[in-house]
Amino acid sequence: MWVAEPAMMRRSGPVPIGRRCRRHPVPGAAGLKVAAWLKKIFGDHPIPQYEVNPRTTEILHHLSERNRVRDRDVCLVIEDLKQKASEYESEAKHLQDLLMESVNFSPANLSGAGSRYLNALVDSAVALETKDSSLASFIPAVNDLTSDLFRTKSKNEEIKLELAKLEKNLTATLVLEKCLREDLKKAELHLSTERAKVDHRLQNMDFLKAKSEEFRFGIRAAEEQLSTRGMDASLSHQSLVALSEKLAELKRQTIPLKKKLESYLDLMPNPSLAQVKIEEAKRELDTIEAELTKKVDMMEL
């Protein structure tokens, strides 16, 4: 029986020239058993040199014991198989003798086709794992095999249905994935467009902020310049806007008065009184025009 070479033998390798492994006498019964075991294993081949010490002796003794137990187990298995083979041969001889005595039949007398049928029967019994080749053994085995076949077919049908369902779901998933990819591309395109718009608006906002600051500084400088020239505060833009709003309010208030006045236009006017009112209105209009012209001229300065 083959036994693995001890580890220390594999590690040691060939012994270099000029360097010899020390050989010590093998101590005790364990050393003798190891030596006998190595001699038995290698036979006529020389035993490789190795360093002999208590550790290597212990390892080799352990290996020899395991090898001995393994050999014993193998021998027992071989003996058991031989015994079973002998029992099978005896049973076969008994059956052959029984056939010869009862029906004068022997397998050797079979034709070629009969031998093939007999071999097929034996192979079927072995494949079906029946205890013998009788019909009572074959029918349950075939029934079991048929049931297994039906169960396998049913399982295959279930697997096919599940596979079809998975393929359908996979197709729907692939279509959905394609739609999502297209939507993602559209969203990315829209996002890039909106980002460009936002960047443009930010640039415009920065430009407007810069212009606003520039106009603010210009207005402040103009106000300081006008203040140094003694400009009246009533001529400022805010004052003029307030006057314009006040003028618009006055015009709005005069609308009902004009309508009321139109109802008196059909009456015979008093010439002297009308002349006085006209003169007053002309003077007031001239005063307002003069004041407005003065303020406009001062703004142009």
Protein backbone atom coordinates (compact mmCIF):
# COMPACT_ATOMS: atom_id res chain seq x y z
CA MET A 1 0.00 0.00 0.00
CA TRP A 2 1.22 3.47 -0.92
CA VAL A 3 1.88 5.87 1.98
CA ALA A 4 2.67 9.59 1.71
CA GLU A 5 6.30 10.44 2.28
CA PRO A 6 6.81 12.19 5.63
CA ALA A 7 6.95 15.97 5.54
CA MET A 8 10.44 16.20 6.88
CA MET A 9 11.65 13.96 4.04
CA ARG A 10 10.11 16.27 1.45
CA ARG A 11 11.60 19.35 3.08
CA SER A 12 15.04 17.88 3.55
CA GLY A 13 15.68 17.12 -0.16
CA PRO A 14 18.95 15.66 -1.35
CA VAL A 15 21.85 15.77 1.07
CA PRO A 16 24.66 18.01 -0.25
CA ILE A 17 28.14 16.58 -0.67
CA GLY A 18 30.28 17.10 2.39
CA ARG A 19 27.22 17.36 4.66
CA ARG A 20 25.76 14.26 6.20
CA CYS A 21 22.67 13.96 8.33
CA ARG A 22 23.44 12.70 11.76
CA ARG A 23 22.21 9.18 12.34
CA HIS A 24 21.38 8.23 15.88
CA PRO A 25 20.34 4.83 17.08
CA VAL A 26 16.56 4.56 17.06
CA PRO A 27 15.51 4.62 20.72
CA GLY A 28 13.01 2.18 22.16
CA ALA A 29 10.22 0.04 20.70
CA ALA A 30 8.76 2.97 18.77
CA GLY A 31 12.01 3.41 16.88
CA LEU A 32 12.10 -0.28 16.02
CA LYS A 33 8.53 -0.16 14.76
CA VAL A 34 9.34 2.90 12.66
CA ALA A 35 12.39 1.22 11.15
CA ALA A 36 10.42 -1.95 10.34
CA TRP A 37 7.59 0.09 8.86
CA LEU A 38 9.95 2.13 6.64
CA LYS A 39 11.65 -1.05 5.47
CA LYS A 40 8.26 -2.55 4.64
CA ILE A 41 7.14 0.59 2.77
CA PHE A 42 10.26 1.12 0.67
CA GLY A 43 11.05 -2.58 0.20
CA ASP A 44 14.17 -3.02 -1.90
CA HIS A 45 14.56 0.75 -2.39
CA PRO A 46 16.91 2.61 -0.07
CA ILE A 47 15.30 4.55 2.76
CA PRO A 48 15.89 8.32 2.33
CA GLN A 49 18.16 9.83 4.92
CA TYR A 50 16.56 12.05 7.54
CA GLU A 51 17.52 13.53 10.86
CA VAL A 52 16.63 11.16 13.63
CA ASN A 53 15.35 12.80 16.79
CA PRO A 54 12.47 12.23 19.19
CA ARG A 55 10.21 14.55 17.19
CA THR A 56 10.71 12.82 13.83
CA THR A 57 10.47 9.43 15.52
CA GLU A 58 7.13 10.43 17.09
CA ILE A 59 5.75 11.68 13.75
CA LEU A 60 6.83 8.57 11.87
CA HIS A 61 5.46 6.33 14.61
CA HIS A 62 2.13 8.12 14.39
CA LEU A 63 2.10 7.69 10.59
CA SER A 64 2.96 4.01 10.91
CA GLU A 65 0.11 3.45 13.38
CA ARG A 66 -2.37 5.19 11.10
CA ASN A 67 -1.06 3.17 8.15
CA ARG A 68 -1.45 -0.04 10.12
CA VAL A 69 -5.04 0.83 11.09
CA ARG A 70 -5.84 1.72 7.50
CA ASP A 71 -4.36 -1.57 6.23
CA ARG A 72 -6.41 -3.48 8.77
CA ASP A 73 -9.62 -1.73 7.70
CA VAL A 74 -8.89 -2.33 4.02
CA CYS A 75 -8.19 -5.98 4.70
CA LEU A 76 -11.50 -6.30 6.53
CA VAL A 77 -13.35 -4.68 3.62
CA ILE A 78 -11.61 -6.97 1.14
CA GLU A 79 -12.47 -10.04 3.21
CA ASP A 80 -16.09 -8.90 3.44
CA LEU A 81 -16.30 -8.37 -0.30
CA LYS A 82 -14.72 -11.75 -0.94
CA GLN A 83 -17.25 -13.35 1.38
CA LYS A 84 -20.15 -11.61 -0.37
CA ALA A 85 -18.79 -12.60 -3.77
CA SER A 86 -18.54 -16.19 -2.59
CA GLU A 87 -22.12 -16.06 -1.30
CA TYR A 88 -23.35 -14.61 -4.59
CA GLU A 89 -21.49 -17.32 -6.54
CA SER A 90 -22.99 -20.00 -4.33
CA GLU A 91 -26.48 -18.51 -4.78
CA ALA A 92 -26.00 -18.31 -8.57
CA LYS A 93 -24.76 -21.92 -8.70
CA HIS A 94 -27.72 -23.01 -6.62
CA LEU A 95 -30.16 -21.24 -8.96
CA GLN A 96 -28.45 -22.74 -12.00
CA ASP A 97 -28.66 -26.21 -10.48
CA LEU A 98 -32.31 -25.57 -9.63
CA LEU A 99 -33.04 -24.56 -13.22
CA MET A 100 -31.24 -27.64 -14.56
CA GLU A 101 -33.10 -29.97 -12.24
CA SER A 102 -36.57 -28.43 -12.74
CA VAL A 103 -36.72 -27.42 -16.42
CA ASN A 104 -33.34 -28.62 -17.70
CA PHE A 105 -32.37 -25.02 -18.47
CA SER A 106 -28.95 -23.40 -18.43
CA PRO A 107 -27.92 -19.88 -19.44
CA ALA A 108 -25.19 -21.42 -21.55
CA ASN A 109 -27.88 -23.06 -23.71
CA LEU A 110 -29.47 -19.67 -24.56
CA SER A 111 -29.27 -18.28 -28.07
CA GLY A 112 -27.61 -14.97 -28.82
CA ALA A 113 -30.94 -13.12 -28.64
CA GLY A 114 -31.82 -14.89 -25.39
CA SER A 115 -28.48 -13.91 -23.87
CA ARG A 116 -29.07 -10.29 -24.89
CA TYR A 117 -32.56 -10.39 -23.36
CA LEU A 118 -31.20 -11.91 -20.18
CA ASN A 119 -28.46 -9.27 -19.97
CA ALA A 120 -31.06 -6.56 -20.61
CA LEU A 121 -33.22 -7.99 -17.81
CA VAL A 122 -30.25 -7.99 -15.46
CA ASP A 123 -29.26 -4.45 -16.44
CA SER A 124 -32.87 -3.28 -15.91
CA ALA A 125 -32.96 -4.86 -12.46
CA VAL A 126 -29.67 -3.16 -11.58
CA ALA A 127 -30.87 0.20 -12.94
CA LEU A 128 -34.21 -0.05 -11.09
CA GLU A 129 -32.41 -1.25 -7.95
CA THR A 130 -34.78 -4.20 -7.45
CA LYS A 131 -33.97 -7.06 -5.13
CA ASP A 132 -34.54 -9.58 -7.95
CA SER A 133 -35.76 -9.81 -11.54
CA SER A 134 -39.29 -10.99 -10.75
CA LEU A 135 -42.36 -9.28 -12.10
CA ALA A 136 -43.47 -8.39 -8.57
CA SER A 137 -40.26 -6.40 -8.17
CA PHE A 138 -40.30 -4.80 -11.62
CA ILE A 139 -43.89 -3.45 -11.52
CA PRO A 140 -43.51 -1.31 -8.35
CA ALA A 141 -40.13 -0.05 -9.56
CA VAL A 142 -41.59 0.88 -12.95
CA ASN A 143 -44.58 2.51 -11.24
CA ASP A 144 -42.27 4.52 -9.04
CA LEU A 145 -40.21 5.50 -12.06
CA THR A 146 -43.40 6.48 -13.93
CA SER A 147 -44.53 8.58 -10.96
CA ASP A 148 -41.15 10.26 -10.88
CA LEU A 149 -41.46 10.91 -14.60
CA PHE A 150 -44.91 12.50 -14.18
CA ARG A 151 -43.66 14.60 -11.27
CA THR A 152 -40.68 15.68 -13.33
CA LYS A 153 -42.92 16.61 -16.27
CA SER A 154 -45.25 18.54 -13.98
CA LYS A 155 -42.27 20.31 -12.49
CA ASN A 156 -40.97 21.07 -15.97
CA GLU A 157 -44.35 22.56 -16.93
CA GLU A 158 -44.32 24.73 -13.81
CA ILE A 159 -40.79 25.81 -14.61
CA LYS A 160 -41.82 26.61 -18.21
CA LEU A 161 -44.76 28.70 -16.99
CA GLU A 162 -42.54 30.48 -14.50
CA LEU A 163 -39.94 31.01 -17.21
CA ALA A 164 -42.59 32.45 -19.57
CA LYS A 165 -43.77 34.76 -16.81
CA LEU A 166 -40.20 35.82 -16.11
CA GLU A 167 -39.60 36.45 -19.83
CA LYS A 168 -42.75 38.56 -19.98
CA ASN A 169 -41.69 40.51 -16.91
CA LEU A 170 -38.20 40.83 -18.34
CA THR A 171 -39.60 42.22 -21.61
CA ALA A 172 -41.76 44.71 -19.71
CA THR A 173 -38.77 45.64 -17.57
CA LEU A 174 -36.58 46.17 -20.63
CA VAL A 175 -39.26 48.34 -22.25
CA LEU A 176 -39.62 50.32 -19.03
CA GLU A 177 -35.87 50.68 -18.79
CA LYS A 178 -35.73 51.98 -22.37
CA CYS A 179 -38.50 54.49 -21.63
CA LEU A 180 -36.74 55.57 -18.46
CA ARG A 181 -33.48 56.03 -20.35
CA GLU A 182 -35.23 58.17 -22.96
CA ASP A 183 -36.96 60.20 -20.24
CA LEU A 184 -33.63 60.58 -18.50
CA LYS A 185 -32.01 61.86 -21.70
CA LYS A 186 -34.89 64.33 -22.19
CA ALA A 187 -34.61 65.44 -18.58
CA GLU A 188 -30.85 65.91 -18.92
CA LEU A 189 -31.35 67.91 -22.14
CA HIS A 190 -34.05 70.04 -20.50
CA LEU A 191 -31.85 70.49 -17.45
CA SER A 192 -28.90 71.61 -19.57
CA THR A 193 -31.18 74.08 -21.40
CA GLU A 194 -32.57 75.44 -18.15
CA ARG A 195 -29.07 75.64 -16.70
CA ALA A 196 -27.97 77.66 -19.72
CA LYS A 197 -30.98 79.97 -19.24
CA VAL A 198 -30.21 80.35 -15.55
CA ASP A 199 -26.56 81.13 -16.32
CA HIS A 200 -27.68 83.73 -18.87
CA ARG A 201 -30.08 85.26 -16.37
CA LEU A 202 -27.38 85.32 -13.73
CA GLN A 203 -25.09 87.09 -16.15
CA ASN A 204 -27.86 89.61 -16.95
CA MET A 205 -28.51 90.02 -13.24
CA ASP A 206 -24.84 90.69 -12.60
CA PHE A 207 -24.84 93.19 -15.47
CA LEU A 208 -27.99 94.88 -14.13
CA LYS A 209 -26.53 94.98 -10.63
CA ALA A 210 -23.38 96.59 -11.97
CA LYS A 211 -25.44 99.10 -13.98
CA SER A 212 -27.63 99.78 -10.95
CA GLU A 213 -24.58 100.49 -8.84
CA GLU A 214 -23.20 102.66 -11.61
CA PHE A 215 -26.48 104.62 -11.86
CA ARG A 216 -26.67 104.90 -8.07
CA PHE A 217 -23.19 106.39 -7.92
CA GLY A 218 -24.03 108.68 -10.86
CA ILE A 219 -27.25 109.86 -9.20
CA ARG A 220 -25.44 110.44 -5.95
CA ALA A 221 -22.71 112.41 -7.72
CA ALA A 222 -25.33 114.42 -9.63
CA GLU A 223 -27.23 115.13 -6.43
CA GLU A 224 -24.04 116.27 -4.72
CA GLN A 225 -23.20 118.45 -7.72
CA LEU A 226 -26.69 119.98 -7.77
CA SER A 227 -26.53 120.49 -4.03
CA THR A 228 -23.27 122.38 -4.38
CA ARG A 229 -24.89 124.60 -7.04
CA GLY A 230 -27.74 125.46 -4.66
CA MET A 231 -30.55 123.56 -6.36
CA ASP A 232 -33.90 123.77 -4.62
CA ALA A 233 -35.07 120.45 -3.20
CA SER A 234 -38.43 121.01 -4.80
CA LEU A 235 -36.84 120.53 -8.23
CA SER A 236 -35.72 116.99 -7.50
CA HIS A 237 -37.13 114.05 -9.36
CA GLN A 238 -39.17 112.91 -6.39
CA SER A 239 -40.64 116.41 -5.97
CA LEU A 240 -41.53 116.66 -9.65
CA VAL A 241 -43.14 113.20 -9.54
CA ALA A 242 -45.11 114.28 -6.48
CA LEU A 243 -46.21 117.49 -8.26
CA SER A 244 -47.19 115.48 -11.32
CA GLU A 245 -49.26 113.15 -9.20
CA LYS A 246 -50.82 116.12 -7.42
CA LEU A 247 -51.60 117.72 -10.80
CA ALA A 248 -53.22 114.52 -12.01
CA GLU A 249 -55.29 114.38 -8.83
CA LEU A 250 -56.39 117.98 -9.33
CA LYS A 251 -57.34 117.24 -12.92
CA ARG A 252 -59.33 114.26 -11.72
CA GLN A 253 -61.09 116.45 -9.19
CA THR A 254 -61.92 119.09 -11.83
CA ILE A 255 -63.70 116.57 -14.03
CA PRO A 256 -66.95 116.59 -11.98
CA LEU A 257 -66.69 120.36 -11.64
CA LYS A 258 -66.43 120.69 -15.43
CA LYS A 259 -69.46 118.48 -15.82
CA LYS A 260 -71.29 120.66 -13.30
CA LEU A 261 -70.13 123.73 -15.12
CA GLU A 262 -71.45 122.43 -18.42
CA SER A 263 -74.94 122.49 -16.97
CA TYR A 264 -74.59 126.25 -16.47
CA LEU A 265 -73.24 127.00 -19.93
CA ASP A 266 -76.74 127.25 -21.36
CA LEU A 267 -77.57 130.09 -18.92
CA MET A 268 -77.07 133.73 -19.85
CA PRO A 269 -73.66 134.62 -18.41
CA ASN A 270 -72.88 137.83 -16.54
CA PRO A 271 -70.27 139.48 -18.78
CA SER A 272 -68.55 141.48 -16.09
CA LEU A 273 -68.32 138.57 -13.65
CA ALA A 274 -67.19 136.23 -16.37
CA GLN A 275 -64.52 138.68 -17.45
CA VAL A 276 -63.21 138.83 -13.88
CA LYS A 277 -63.05 135.04 -13.57
CA ILE A 278 -61.29 134.73 -16.92
CA GLU A 279 -58.70 137.26 -15.87
CA GLU A 280 -58.11 135.44 -12.60
CA ALA A 281 -57.73 132.15 -14.40
CA LYS A 282 -55.30 133.69 -16.91
CA ARG A 283 -53.18 135.13 -14.11
CA GLU A 284 -53.12 131.83 -12.25
CA LEU A 285 -52.19 129.96 -15.44
CA ASP A 286 -49.40 132.42 -16.19
CA THR A 287 -48.07 132.07 -12.67
CA ILE A 288 -48.00 128.26 -12.92
CA GLU A 289 -46.34 128.34 -16.35
CA ALA A 290 -43.72 130.78 -15.13
CA GLU A 291 -42.94 128.69 -12.09
CA LEU A 292 -42.73 125.50 -14.19
CA THR A 293 -40.46 127.18 -16.76
CA LYS A 294 -38.18 128.43 -14.00
CA LYS A 295 -37.85 124.96 -12.49
CA VAL A 296 -37.17 123.40 -15.91
CA ASP A 297 -34.48 125.96 -16.63
CA MET A 298 -32.83 125.29 -13.30
CA MET A 299 -32.82 121.54 -14.01
CA GLU A 300 -31.14 122.12 -17.38
CA LEU A 301 -28.38 124.04 -15.60
